[in-house]
Amino acid sequence: MEITSFILGVCAVIIILMVAGTSVNYMTIKVLRKDIDNLDMASSHSFEDTYRQLEKLQQEVYSRIDTVEQNTVRHTDSRADKLGNKLDELDNRLMGEISLLLQDMRSLRQEISRVEKSYKEKINY
């Protein structure tokens, strides 16, 4: 009977240890699942924040590119307008000089024809 009592006592201790181990494991698993859920939520919030910041950065970069592009176009347009105005001024001056040269050429031709006439008249005398 002593052996039966001993075996029953050992079995009872083993069963109590198994129940205690199972409950400790259950509590540990419960805590670990909660920690995993918290980490999952934290990582999803972190990804969302990162994605929002990336979108904001992308919009800011596009906005700055548009601003630089508009400033470049304005600057180029103003330079082109200034160059066009200078070319117009040069063209007007050149046309004025050409018309003066043409007038001088006409008057020189008239003078040459007048001199030739008077030379021929002198020869005829």
N, C-alpha and C. Protein backbone atom coordinates (compact mmCIF):
# COMPACT_ATOMS: atom_id res chain seq x y z
N MET A 1 0.81 -1.17 0.00
CA MET A 1 0.00 0.00 0.00
C MET A 1 0.86 1.25 0.00
N GLU A 2 1.99 1.14 0.63
CA GLU A 2 2.90 2.28 0.63
C GLU A 2 3.32 2.66 -0.78
N ILE A 3 3.54 1.66 -1.57
CA ILE A 3 3.97 1.92 -2.94
C ILE A 3 2.83 2.57 -3.71
N THR A 4 1.60 2.14 -3.49
CA THR A 4 0.47 2.72 -4.17
C THR A 4 0.31 4.18 -3.75
N SER A 5 0.47 4.42 -2.44
CA SER A 5 0.36 5.80 -1.97
C SER A 5 1.48 6.66 -2.55
N PHE A 6 2.67 6.09 -2.59
CA PHE A 6 3.81 6.82 -3.15
C PHE A 6 3.55 7.14 -4.63
N ILE A 7 3.09 6.16 -5.40
CA ILE A 7 2.84 6.34 -6.83
C ILE A 7 1.73 7.37 -7.03
N LEU A 8 0.65 7.26 -6.20
CA LEU A 8 -0.44 8.23 -6.31
C LEU A 8 0.05 9.64 -5.94
N GLY A 9 0.91 9.74 -4.96
CA GLY A 9 1.46 11.04 -4.56
C GLY A 9 2.33 11.64 -5.66
N VAL A 10 3.17 10.78 -6.21
CA VAL A 10 4.03 11.25 -7.32
C VAL A 10 3.16 11.66 -8.51
N CYS A 11 2.15 10.86 -8.82
CA CYS A 11 1.26 11.20 -9.94
C CYS A 11 0.52 12.52 -9.67
N ALA A 12 0.09 12.70 -8.40
CA ALA A 12 -0.61 13.93 -8.06
C ALA A 12 0.33 15.14 -8.22
N VAL A 13 1.58 14.99 -7.77
CA VAL A 13 2.55 16.09 -7.91
C VAL A 13 2.81 16.37 -9.39
N ILE A 14 2.94 15.31 -10.17
CA ILE A 14 3.19 15.48 -11.62
C ILE A 14 2.01 16.19 -12.27
N ILE A 15 0.77 15.79 -11.91
CA ILE A 15 -0.42 16.42 -12.49
C ILE A 15 -0.50 17.88 -12.07
N ILE A 16 -0.20 18.16 -10.78
CA ILE A 16 -0.23 19.55 -10.32
C ILE A 16 0.82 20.38 -11.06
N LEU A 17 2.02 19.82 -11.25
CA LEU A 17 3.08 20.52 -12.00
C LEU A 17 2.67 20.74 -13.46
N MET A 18 2.00 19.75 -14.05
CA MET A 18 1.55 19.90 -15.44
C MET A 18 0.49 21.00 -15.55
N VAL A 19 -0.43 21.03 -14.59
CA VAL A 19 -1.47 22.07 -14.61
C VAL A 19 -0.83 23.44 -14.40
N ALA A 20 0.10 23.51 -13.45
CA ALA A 20 0.78 24.80 -13.19
C ALA A 20 1.59 25.23 -14.42
N GLY A 21 2.31 24.28 -15.03
CA GLY A 21 3.10 24.61 -16.24
C GLY A 21 2.21 25.05 -17.39
N THR A 22 1.07 24.36 -17.55
CA THR A 22 0.14 24.72 -18.62
C THR A 22 -0.43 26.11 -18.38
N SER A 23 -0.79 26.42 -17.14
CA SER A 23 -1.35 27.75 -16.88
C SER A 23 -0.29 28.83 -17.07
N VAL A 24 0.96 28.54 -16.66
CA VAL A 24 2.04 29.52 -16.87
C VAL A 24 2.27 29.71 -18.37
N ASN A 25 2.28 28.63 -19.13
CA ASN A 25 2.45 28.71 -20.58
C ASN A 25 1.30 29.50 -21.22
N TYR A 26 0.07 29.23 -20.75
CA TYR A 26 -1.09 29.93 -21.28
C TYR A 26 -0.98 31.43 -21.03
N MET A 27 -0.59 31.81 -19.80
CA MET A 27 -0.44 33.22 -19.47
C MET A 27 0.68 33.86 -20.29
N THR A 28 1.78 33.14 -20.45
CA THR A 28 2.91 33.66 -21.24
C THR A 28 2.49 33.84 -22.69
N ILE A 29 1.79 32.87 -23.24
CA ILE A 29 1.32 32.97 -24.63
C ILE A 29 0.35 34.12 -24.77
N LYS A 30 -0.53 34.30 -23.76
CA LYS A 30 -1.48 35.40 -23.80
C LYS A 30 -0.75 36.75 -23.81
N VAL A 31 0.27 36.91 -22.97
CA VAL A 31 1.05 38.14 -22.92
C VAL A 31 1.81 38.34 -24.24
N LEU A 32 2.39 37.26 -24.78
CA LEU A 32 3.12 37.36 -26.04
C LEU A 32 2.20 37.74 -27.20
N ARG A 33 1.00 37.18 -27.22
CA ARG A 33 0.04 37.56 -28.28
C ARG A 33 -0.33 39.03 -28.19
N LYS A 34 -0.53 39.51 -26.95
CA LYS A 34 -0.84 40.92 -26.75
C LYS A 34 0.32 41.80 -27.23
N ASP A 35 1.55 41.39 -26.90
CA ASP A 35 2.73 42.14 -27.35
C ASP A 35 2.85 42.12 -28.88
N ILE A 36 2.56 40.97 -29.48
CA ILE A 36 2.62 40.87 -30.94
C ILE A 36 1.56 41.76 -31.58
N ASP A 37 0.35 41.77 -31.01
CA ASP A 37 -0.71 42.64 -31.53
C ASP A 37 -0.31 44.11 -31.41
N ASN A 38 0.28 44.48 -30.26
CA ASN A 38 0.74 45.86 -30.08
C ASN A 38 1.83 46.22 -31.09
N LEU A 39 2.77 45.31 -31.31
CA LEU A 39 3.82 45.56 -32.29
C LEU A 39 3.25 45.68 -33.70
N ASP A 40 2.27 44.84 -34.01
CA ASP A 40 1.63 44.91 -35.32
C ASP A 40 0.95 46.25 -35.54
N MET A 41 0.21 46.71 -34.51
CA MET A 41 -0.47 48.01 -34.62
C MET A 41 0.55 49.15 -34.72
N ALA A 42 1.61 49.06 -33.91
CA ALA A 42 2.63 50.11 -33.94
C ALA A 42 3.33 50.15 -35.30
N SER A 43 3.61 48.98 -35.87
CA SER A 43 4.27 48.97 -37.18
C SER A 43 3.33 49.48 -38.27
N SER A 44 2.04 49.14 -38.18
CA SER A 44 1.11 49.65 -39.20
C SER A 44 0.97 51.17 -39.09
N HIS A 45 0.92 51.71 -37.85
CA HIS A 45 0.87 53.16 -37.67
C HIS A 45 2.15 53.81 -38.19
N SER A 46 3.27 53.15 -37.93
CA SER A 46 4.55 53.68 -38.40
C SER A 46 4.59 53.71 -39.92
N PHE A 47 4.11 52.64 -40.57
CA PHE A 47 4.07 52.60 -42.03
C PHE A 47 3.14 53.68 -42.59
N GLU A 48 2.00 53.86 -41.95
CA GLU A 48 1.07 54.89 -42.41
C GLU A 48 1.68 56.28 -42.28
N ASP A 49 2.34 56.54 -41.14
CA ASP A 49 3.00 57.83 -40.96
C ASP A 49 4.10 58.04 -42.00
N THR A 50 4.88 57.00 -42.23
CA THR A 50 5.94 57.10 -43.22
C THR A 50 5.36 57.35 -44.61
N TYR A 51 4.27 56.67 -44.94
CA TYR A 51 3.63 56.85 -46.24
C TYR A 51 3.10 58.28 -46.38
N ARG A 52 2.47 58.81 -45.31
CA ARG A 52 1.98 60.20 -45.36
C ARG A 52 3.12 61.18 -45.53
N GLN A 53 4.20 60.96 -44.79
CA GLN A 53 5.35 61.86 -44.91
C GLN A 53 5.94 61.78 -46.31
N LEU A 54 5.98 60.58 -46.87
CA LEU A 54 6.50 60.42 -48.23
C LEU A 54 5.62 61.15 -49.23
N GLU A 55 4.30 61.05 -49.09
CA GLU A 55 3.39 61.77 -49.98
C GLU A 55 3.58 63.28 -49.84
N LYS A 56 3.70 63.74 -48.59
CA LYS A 56 3.89 65.17 -48.34
C LYS A 56 5.21 65.65 -48.97
N LEU A 57 6.25 64.85 -48.81
CA LEU A 57 7.55 65.19 -49.41
C LEU A 57 7.45 65.23 -50.93
N GLN A 58 6.75 64.25 -51.49
CA GLN A 58 6.60 64.19 -52.93
C GLN A 58 5.84 65.42 -53.44
N GLN A 59 4.78 65.81 -52.75
CA GLN A 59 4.04 67.00 -53.15
C GLN A 59 4.90 68.25 -53.03
N GLU A 60 5.71 68.32 -51.99
CA GLU A 60 6.58 69.48 -51.81
C GLU A 60 7.63 69.55 -52.92
N VAL A 61 8.18 68.38 -53.28
CA VAL A 61 9.17 68.35 -54.35
C VAL A 61 8.54 68.78 -55.67
N TYR A 62 7.34 68.25 -55.97
CA TYR A 62 6.66 68.65 -57.20
C TYR A 62 6.33 70.14 -57.20
N SER A 63 5.92 70.65 -56.04
CA SER A 63 5.61 72.08 -55.94
C SER A 63 6.86 72.91 -56.20
N ARG A 64 7.96 72.52 -55.61
CA ARG A 64 9.22 73.27 -55.82
C ARG A 64 9.68 73.17 -57.27
N ILE A 65 9.52 72.00 -57.86
CA ILE A 65 9.90 71.84 -59.27
C ILE A 65 9.05 72.77 -60.14
N ASP A 66 7.73 72.82 -59.86
CA ASP A 66 6.85 73.72 -60.61
C ASP A 66 7.27 75.17 -60.43
N THR A 67 7.60 75.55 -59.19
CA THR A 67 8.02 76.93 -58.93
C THR A 67 9.29 77.27 -59.68
N VAL A 68 10.27 76.36 -59.64
CA VAL A 68 11.54 76.60 -60.35
C VAL A 68 11.28 76.66 -61.85
N GLU A 69 10.42 75.77 -62.34
CA GLU A 69 10.11 75.76 -63.77
C GLU A 69 9.45 77.07 -64.19
N GLN A 70 8.49 77.55 -63.38
CA GLN A 70 7.82 78.81 -63.71
C GLN A 70 8.80 79.98 -63.66
N ASN A 71 9.66 79.99 -62.64
CA ASN A 71 10.64 81.07 -62.55
C ASN A 71 11.60 81.03 -63.74
N THR A 72 12.00 79.82 -64.14
CA THR A 72 12.90 79.69 -65.28
C THR A 72 12.22 80.16 -66.56
N VAL A 73 10.95 79.79 -66.72
CA VAL A 73 10.22 80.21 -67.92
C VAL A 73 10.07 81.73 -67.93
N ARG A 74 9.72 82.31 -66.77
CA ARG A 74 9.59 83.78 -66.70
C ARG A 74 10.92 84.45 -67.02
N HIS A 75 11.99 83.93 -66.43
CA HIS A 75 13.31 84.52 -66.65
C HIS A 75 13.69 84.41 -68.13
N THR A 76 13.46 83.24 -68.69
CA THR A 76 13.79 83.03 -70.11
C THR A 76 12.93 83.92 -70.99
N ASP A 77 11.64 84.03 -70.67
CA ASP A 77 10.76 84.90 -71.45
C ASP A 77 11.21 86.35 -71.38
N SER A 78 11.57 86.79 -70.18
CA SER A 78 12.00 88.19 -70.05
C SER A 78 13.30 88.41 -70.82
N ARG A 79 14.21 87.44 -70.75
CA ARG A 79 15.47 87.57 -71.51
C ARG A 79 15.20 87.55 -73.01
N ALA A 80 14.29 86.67 -73.42
CA ALA A 80 13.96 86.60 -74.84
C ALA A 80 13.29 87.90 -75.29
N ASP A 81 12.41 88.47 -74.46
CA ASP A 81 11.78 89.75 -74.80
C ASP A 81 12.83 90.85 -74.91
N LYS A 82 13.77 90.90 -73.96
CA LYS A 82 14.82 91.91 -74.01
C LYS A 82 15.67 91.74 -75.26
N LEU A 83 15.99 90.48 -75.56
CA LEU A 83 16.79 90.22 -76.76
C LEU A 83 16.00 90.60 -78.01
N GLY A 84 14.70 90.29 -78.01
CA GLY A 84 13.86 90.66 -79.16
C GLY A 84 13.80 92.17 -79.32
N ASN A 85 13.66 92.89 -78.20
CA ASN A 85 13.64 94.36 -78.27
C ASN A 85 14.95 94.90 -78.80
N LYS A 86 16.07 94.34 -78.33
CA LYS A 86 17.37 94.79 -78.82
C LYS A 86 17.53 94.50 -80.31
N LEU A 87 17.05 93.32 -80.72
CA LEU A 87 17.13 92.98 -82.14
C LEU A 87 16.26 93.93 -82.97
N ASP A 88 15.09 94.28 -82.45
CA ASP A 88 14.23 95.23 -83.14
C ASP A 88 14.91 96.59 -83.26
N GLU A 89 15.55 97.02 -82.16
CA GLU A 89 16.27 98.30 -82.19
C GLU A 89 17.40 98.26 -83.21
N LEU A 90 18.16 97.16 -83.20
CA LEU A 90 19.25 97.03 -84.17
C LEU A 90 18.71 96.99 -85.59
N ASP A 91 17.62 96.29 -85.77
CA ASP A 91 17.01 96.20 -87.10
C ASP A 91 16.56 97.59 -87.57
N ASN A 92 15.92 98.34 -86.65
CA ASN A 92 15.49 99.70 -87.02
C ASN A 92 16.68 100.58 -87.35
N ARG A 93 17.75 100.49 -86.53
CA ARG A 93 18.94 101.30 -86.80
C ARG A 93 19.58 100.89 -88.13
N LEU A 94 19.64 99.59 -88.35
CA LEU A 94 20.23 99.09 -89.59
C LEU A 94 19.42 99.54 -90.79
N MET A 95 18.10 99.47 -90.68
CA MET A 95 17.25 99.93 -91.78
C MET A 95 17.44 101.42 -92.01
N GLY A 96 17.57 102.16 -90.92
CA GLY A 96 17.82 103.60 -91.06
C GLY A 96 19.15 103.86 -91.75
N GLU A 97 20.17 103.12 -91.35
CA GLU A 97 21.49 103.29 -91.98
C GLU A 97 21.45 102.90 -93.46
N ILE A 98 20.72 101.81 -93.76
CA ILE A 98 20.62 101.37 -95.16
C ILE A 98 19.88 102.42 -95.98
N SER A 99 18.80 102.97 -95.42
CA SER A 99 18.07 103.99 -96.19
C SER A 99 18.94 105.23 -96.39
N LEU A 100 19.75 105.61 -95.37
CA LEU A 100 20.67 106.74 -95.56
C LEU A 100 21.70 106.44 -96.63
N LEU A 101 22.22 105.20 -96.61
CA LEU A 101 23.19 104.82 -97.64
C LEU A 101 22.56 104.85 -99.03
N LEU A 102 21.31 104.40 -99.13
CA LEU A 102 20.63 104.44 -100.43
C LEU A 102 20.42 105.88 -100.90
N GLN A 103 20.05 106.74 -99.96
CA GLN A 103 19.89 108.16 -100.32
C GLN A 103 21.21 108.75 -100.77
N ASP A 104 22.28 108.41 -100.03
CA ASP A 104 23.61 108.90 -100.42
C ASP A 104 24.00 108.37 -101.79
N MET A 105 23.68 107.09 -102.04
CA MET A 105 24.00 106.51 -103.36
C MET A 105 23.23 107.23 -104.46
N ARG A 106 21.95 107.53 -104.23
CA ARG A 106 21.16 108.23 -105.25
C ARG A 106 21.73 109.63 -105.52
N SER A 107 22.06 110.30 -104.40
CA SER A 107 22.60 111.65 -104.62
C SER A 107 23.96 111.59 -105.30
N LEU A 108 24.75 110.53 -104.99
CA LEU A 108 26.04 110.39 -105.69
C LEU A 108 25.82 110.09 -107.18
N ARG A 109 24.84 109.25 -107.48
CA ARG A 109 24.54 108.96 -108.89
C ARG A 109 24.08 110.23 -109.61
N GLN A 110 23.25 111.00 -108.93
CA GLN A 110 22.79 112.26 -109.55
C GLN A 110 23.97 113.20 -109.78
N GLU A 111 24.84 113.24 -108.78
CA GLU A 111 26.01 114.11 -108.91
C GLU A 111 26.92 113.62 -110.03
N ILE A 112 27.08 112.28 -110.10
CA ILE A 112 27.93 111.73 -111.18
C ILE A 112 27.29 112.02 -112.53
N SER A 113 25.98 111.83 -112.64
CA SER A 113 25.33 112.10 -113.94
C SER A 113 25.40 113.60 -114.25
N ARG A 114 25.27 114.47 -113.25
CA ARG A 114 25.39 115.90 -113.49
C ARG A 114 26.80 116.26 -113.94
N VAL A 115 27.79 115.65 -113.28
CA VAL A 115 29.18 115.94 -113.67
C VAL A 115 29.44 115.43 -115.08
N GLU A 116 28.93 114.25 -115.39
CA GLU A 116 29.13 113.71 -116.73
C GLU A 116 28.47 114.61 -117.77
N LYS A 117 27.28 115.11 -117.47
CA LYS A 117 26.59 116.01 -118.41
C LYS A 117 27.40 117.28 -118.60
N SER A 118 27.82 117.86 -117.50
CA SER A 118 28.57 119.11 -117.63
C SER A 118 29.90 118.85 -118.31
N TYR A 119 30.51 117.71 -118.12
CA TYR A 119 31.77 117.37 -118.78
C TYR A 119 31.55 117.23 -120.29
N LYS A 120 30.44 116.56 -120.64
CA LYS A 120 30.13 116.37 -122.05
C LYS A 120 29.80 117.72 -122.70
N GLU A 121 29.12 118.60 -121.95
CA GLU A 121 28.80 119.92 -122.51
C GLU A 121 30.07 120.73 -122.70
N LYS A 122 31.01 120.60 -121.81
CA LYS A 122 32.25 121.34 -121.97
C LYS A 122 33.04 120.81 -123.14
N ILE A 123 32.98 119.53 -123.33
CA ILE A 123 33.71 118.95 -124.46
C ILE A 123 33.06 119.44 -125.77
N ASN A 124 31.78 119.56 -125.82
CA ASN A 124 31.08 119.98 -127.00
C ASN A 124 31.39 121.44 -127.35
N TYR A 125 31.80 122.25 -126.48
CA TYR A 125 32.12 123.66 -126.77
C TYR A 125 33.39 123.73 -127.43
